Amino acid sequence: MTLDEYQQHALKTATTDREFEFFHRVFGLVGEAGEIAEKVKKLIRDKDGQPESLDAEDIKKELGDVLWYIATIADFMDISLDDVATTNVAKLADRQKRNQLHGSGDNR
């Protein structure tokens, strides 16, 4: 399945009739990413920070939720998910070529 095919499948389950749907999706993305962070926090607190203690299936489901929100937000902005991925890979390759992978800021 391509990312664009996934995006089309994800959109079949997205609501479009709410007044603030864009904000719902953005906050949903933050919430789902927060759920992953919470699991990692508990990994540090309860399991001595051992990544192998994470439940891979559980993380996979949470990552799927994050992907769903990314796909539907991108569509809201008329951006294909394939284009998001292609643009990101090109950006990272350019940073690597210029030895700028470390540091901070979007325009490095």
C-alpha atoms as a PDB file:
ATOM      1  CA  MET A   1       0.000   0.000   0.000  1.00  0.00           C
ATOM      2  CA  THR A   2       1.325   3.447  -0.858  1.00  0.00           C
ATOM      3  CA  LEU A   3       0.984   6.338   1.531  1.00  0.00           C
ATOM      4  CA  ASP A   4      -1.552   7.963  -0.785  1.00  0.00           C
ATOM      5  CA  GLU A   5      -3.602   4.748  -0.810  1.00  0.00           C
ATOM      6  CA  TYR A   6      -3.478   4.710   2.984  1.00  0.00           C
ATOM      7  CA  GLN A   7      -4.571   8.340   3.041  1.00  0.00           C
ATOM      8  CA  GLN A   8      -7.616   7.528   0.914  1.00  0.00           C
ATOM      9  CA  HIS A   9      -8.564   4.635   3.216  1.00  0.00           C
ATOM     10  CA  ALA A  10      -8.088   6.817   6.309  1.00  0.00           C
ATOM     11  CA  LEU A  11     -10.343   9.500   4.875  1.00  0.00           C
ATOM     12  CA  LYS A  12     -13.218   7.035   4.660  1.00  0.00           C
ATOM     13  CA  THR A  13     -13.355   7.075   8.463  1.00  0.00           C
ATOM     14  CA  ALA A  14     -12.846  10.823   8.932  1.00  0.00           C
ATOM     15  CA  THR A  15     -15.736  13.082   9.826  1.00  0.00           C
ATOM     16  CA  THR A  16     -16.090  16.272   7.844  1.00  0.00           C
ATOM     17  CA  ASP A  17     -19.210  17.883   9.212  1.00  0.00           C
ATOM     18  CA  ARG A  18     -17.876  19.476  12.392  1.00  0.00           C
ATOM     19  CA  GLU A  19     -17.250  23.208  12.461  1.00  0.00           C
ATOM     20  CA  PHE A  20     -13.778  22.888  13.920  1.00  0.00           C
ATOM     21  CA  GLU A  21     -12.715  19.611  12.285  1.00  0.00           C
ATOM     22  CA  PHE A  22      -9.211  20.821  11.421  1.00  0.00           C
ATOM     23  CA  PHE A  23      -8.526  21.679  15.070  1.00  0.00           C
ATOM     24  CA  HIS A  24     -10.031  18.361  16.190  1.00  0.00           C
ATOM     25  CA  ARG A  25      -7.521  16.549  14.002  1.00  0.00           C
ATOM     26  CA  VAL A  26      -4.532  18.621  15.114  1.00  0.00           C
ATOM     27  CA  PHE A  27      -5.346  18.134  18.786  1.00  0.00           C
ATOM     28  CA  GLY A  28      -6.002  14.454  18.112  1.00  0.00           C
ATOM     29  CA  LEU A  29      -2.515  14.129  16.620  1.00  0.00           C
ATOM     30  CA  VAL A  30      -0.977  15.767  19.681  1.00  0.00           C
ATOM     31  CA  GLY A  31      -2.993  13.499  21.968  1.00  0.00           C
ATOM     32  CA  GLU A  32      -1.966  10.316  20.179  1.00  0.00           C
ATOM     33  CA  ALA A  33       1.701  11.351  20.134  1.00  0.00           C
ATOM     34  CA  GLY A  34       1.298  12.078  23.837  1.00  0.00           C
ATOM     35  CA  GLU A  35       0.027   8.535  24.407  1.00  0.00           C
ATOM     36  CA  ILE A  36       3.259   7.187  22.919  1.00  0.00           C
ATOM     37  CA  ALA A  37       5.285   9.562  25.090  1.00  0.00           C
ATOM     38  CA  GLU A  38       3.317   8.417  28.143  1.00  0.00           C
ATOM     39  CA  LYS A  39       4.164   4.785  27.430  1.00  0.00           C
ATOM     40  CA  VAL A  40       7.848   5.670  27.118  1.00  0.00           C
ATOM     41  CA  LYS A  41       7.664   7.699  30.348  1.00  0.00           C
ATOM     42  CA  LYS A  42       6.299   4.651  32.140  1.00  0.00           C
ATOM     43  CA  LEU A  43       9.037   2.558  30.533  1.00  0.00           C
ATOM     44  CA  ILE A  44      11.602   4.818  32.184  1.00  0.00           C
ATOM     45  CA  ARG A  45       9.723   4.909  35.485  1.00  0.00           C
ATOM     46  CA  ASP A  46       8.757   1.250  35.774  1.00  0.00           C
ATOM     47  CA  LYS A  47      11.070  -0.780  33.536  1.00  0.00           C
ATOM     48  CA  ASP A  48      14.448   0.935  33.940  1.00  0.00           C
ATOM     49  CA  GLY A  49      14.184   2.464  30.466  1.00  0.00           C
ATOM     50  CA  GLN A  50      14.556  -0.833  28.627  1.00  0.00           C
ATOM     51  CA  PRO A  51      12.979  -0.381  25.160  1.00  0.00           C
ATOM     52  CA  GLU A  52      12.545  -4.142  24.750  1.00  0.00           C
ATOM     53  CA  SER A  53       9.999  -3.907  27.582  1.00  0.00           C
ATOM     54  CA  LEU A  54       7.635  -1.957  25.328  1.00  0.00           C
ATOM     55  CA  ASP A  55       4.706  -3.845  23.836  1.00  0.00           C
ATOM     56  CA  ALA A  56       5.415  -3.565  20.100  1.00  0.00           C
ATOM     57  CA  GLU A  57       1.814  -4.309  19.127  1.00  0.00           C
ATOM     58  CA  ASP A  58       0.562  -1.583  21.449  1.00  0.00           C
ATOM     59  CA  ILE A  59       3.040   0.937  20.037  1.00  0.00           C
ATOM     60  CA  LYS A  60       2.092  -0.122  16.496  1.00  0.00           C
ATOM     61  CA  LYS A  61      -1.545   0.713  17.208  1.00  0.00           C
ATOM     62  CA  GLU A  62      -0.621   4.115  18.635  1.00  0.00           C
ATOM     63  CA  LEU A  63       1.632   4.850  15.662  1.00  0.00           C
ATOM     64  CA  GLY A  64      -1.300   3.945  13.418  1.00  0.00           C
ATOM     65  CA  ASP A  65      -3.441   6.509  15.205  1.00  0.00           C
ATOM     66  CA  VAL A  66      -0.709   9.129  14.713  1.00  0.00           C
ATOM     67  CA  LEU A  67      -0.494   8.204  11.024  1.00  0.00           C
ATOM     68  CA  TRP A  68      -4.279   8.513  10.645  1.00  0.00           C
ATOM     69  CA  TYR A  69      -4.240  12.051  12.009  1.00  0.00           C
ATOM     70  CA  ILE A  70      -1.252  13.017   9.844  1.00  0.00           C
ATOM     71  CA  ALA A  71      -2.984  11.628   6.751  1.00  0.00           C
ATOM     72  CA  THR A  72      -6.246  13.455   7.421  1.00  0.00           C
ATOM     73  CA  ILE A  73      -4.549  16.744   8.350  1.00  0.00           C
ATOM     74  CA  ALA A  74      -2.492  16.577   5.164  1.00  0.00           C
ATOM     75  CA  ASP A  75      -5.659  16.006   3.146  1.00  0.00           C
ATOM     76  CA  PHE A  76      -7.298  18.955   4.888  1.00  0.00           C
ATOM     77  CA  MET A  77      -4.442  21.046   3.479  1.00  0.00           C
ATOM     78  CA  ASP A  78      -4.714  19.378   0.020  1.00  0.00           C
ATOM     79  CA  ILE A  79      -1.341  17.670   0.493  1.00  0.00           C
ATOM     80  CA  SER A  80      -0.801  14.047  -0.462  1.00  0.00           C
ATOM     81  CA  LEU A  81       0.834  11.807   2.112  1.00  0.00           C
ATOM     82  CA  ASP A  82       3.259  10.580  -0.561  1.00  0.00           C
ATOM     83  CA  ASP A  83       4.304  14.213  -1.068  1.00  0.00           C
ATOM     84  CA  VAL A  84       4.816  14.681   2.684  1.00  0.00           C
ATOM     85  CA  ALA A  85       7.113  11.642   2.771  1.00  0.00           C
ATOM     86  CA  THR A  86       9.017  12.576  -0.396  1.00  0.00           C
ATOM     87  CA  THR A  87       9.568  16.141   0.795  1.00  0.00           C
ATOM     88  CA  ASN A  88      10.752  14.964   4.205  1.00  0.00           C
ATOM     89  CA  VAL A  89      13.231  12.434   2.786  1.00  0.00           C
ATOM     90  CA  ALA A  90      14.635  15.079   0.414  1.00  0.00           C
ATOM     91  CA  LYS A  91      14.994  17.581   3.274  1.00  0.00           C
ATOM     92  CA  LEU A  92      16.829  15.060   5.452  1.00  0.00           C
ATOM     93  CA  ALA A  93      19.096  13.947   2.597  1.00  0.00           C
ATOM     94  CA  ASP A  94      20.015  17.577   1.942  1.00  0.00           C
ATOM     95  CA  ARG A  95      20.821  18.131   5.622  1.00  0.00           C
ATOM     96  CA  GLN A  96      22.929  14.981   5.669  1.00  0.00           C
ATOM     97  CA  LYS A  97      24.814  16.088   2.555  1.00  0.00           C
ATOM     98  CA  ARG A  98      25.580  19.424   4.257  1.00  0.00           C
ATOM     99  CA  ASN A  99      26.383  17.707   7.592  1.00  0.00           C
ATOM    100  CA  GLN A 100      23.450  19.504   9.246  1.00  0.00           C
ATOM    101  CA  LEU A 101      21.467  16.613  10.711  1.00  0.00           C
ATOM    102  CA  HIS A 102      22.254  17.751  14.255  1.00  0.00           C
ATOM    103  CA  GLY A 103      21.100  21.037  15.692  1.00  0.00           C
ATOM    104  CA  SER A 104      17.707  22.654  15.673  1.00  0.00           C
ATOM    105  CA  GLY A 105      15.520  24.741  13.423  1.00  0.00           C
ATOM    106  CA  ASP A 106      13.606  24.017  10.267  1.00  0.00           C
ATOM    107  CA  ASN A 107      15.906  25.866   7.880  1.00  0.00           C
ATOM    108  CA  ARG A 108      19.316  24.398   8.638  1.00  0.00           C
END
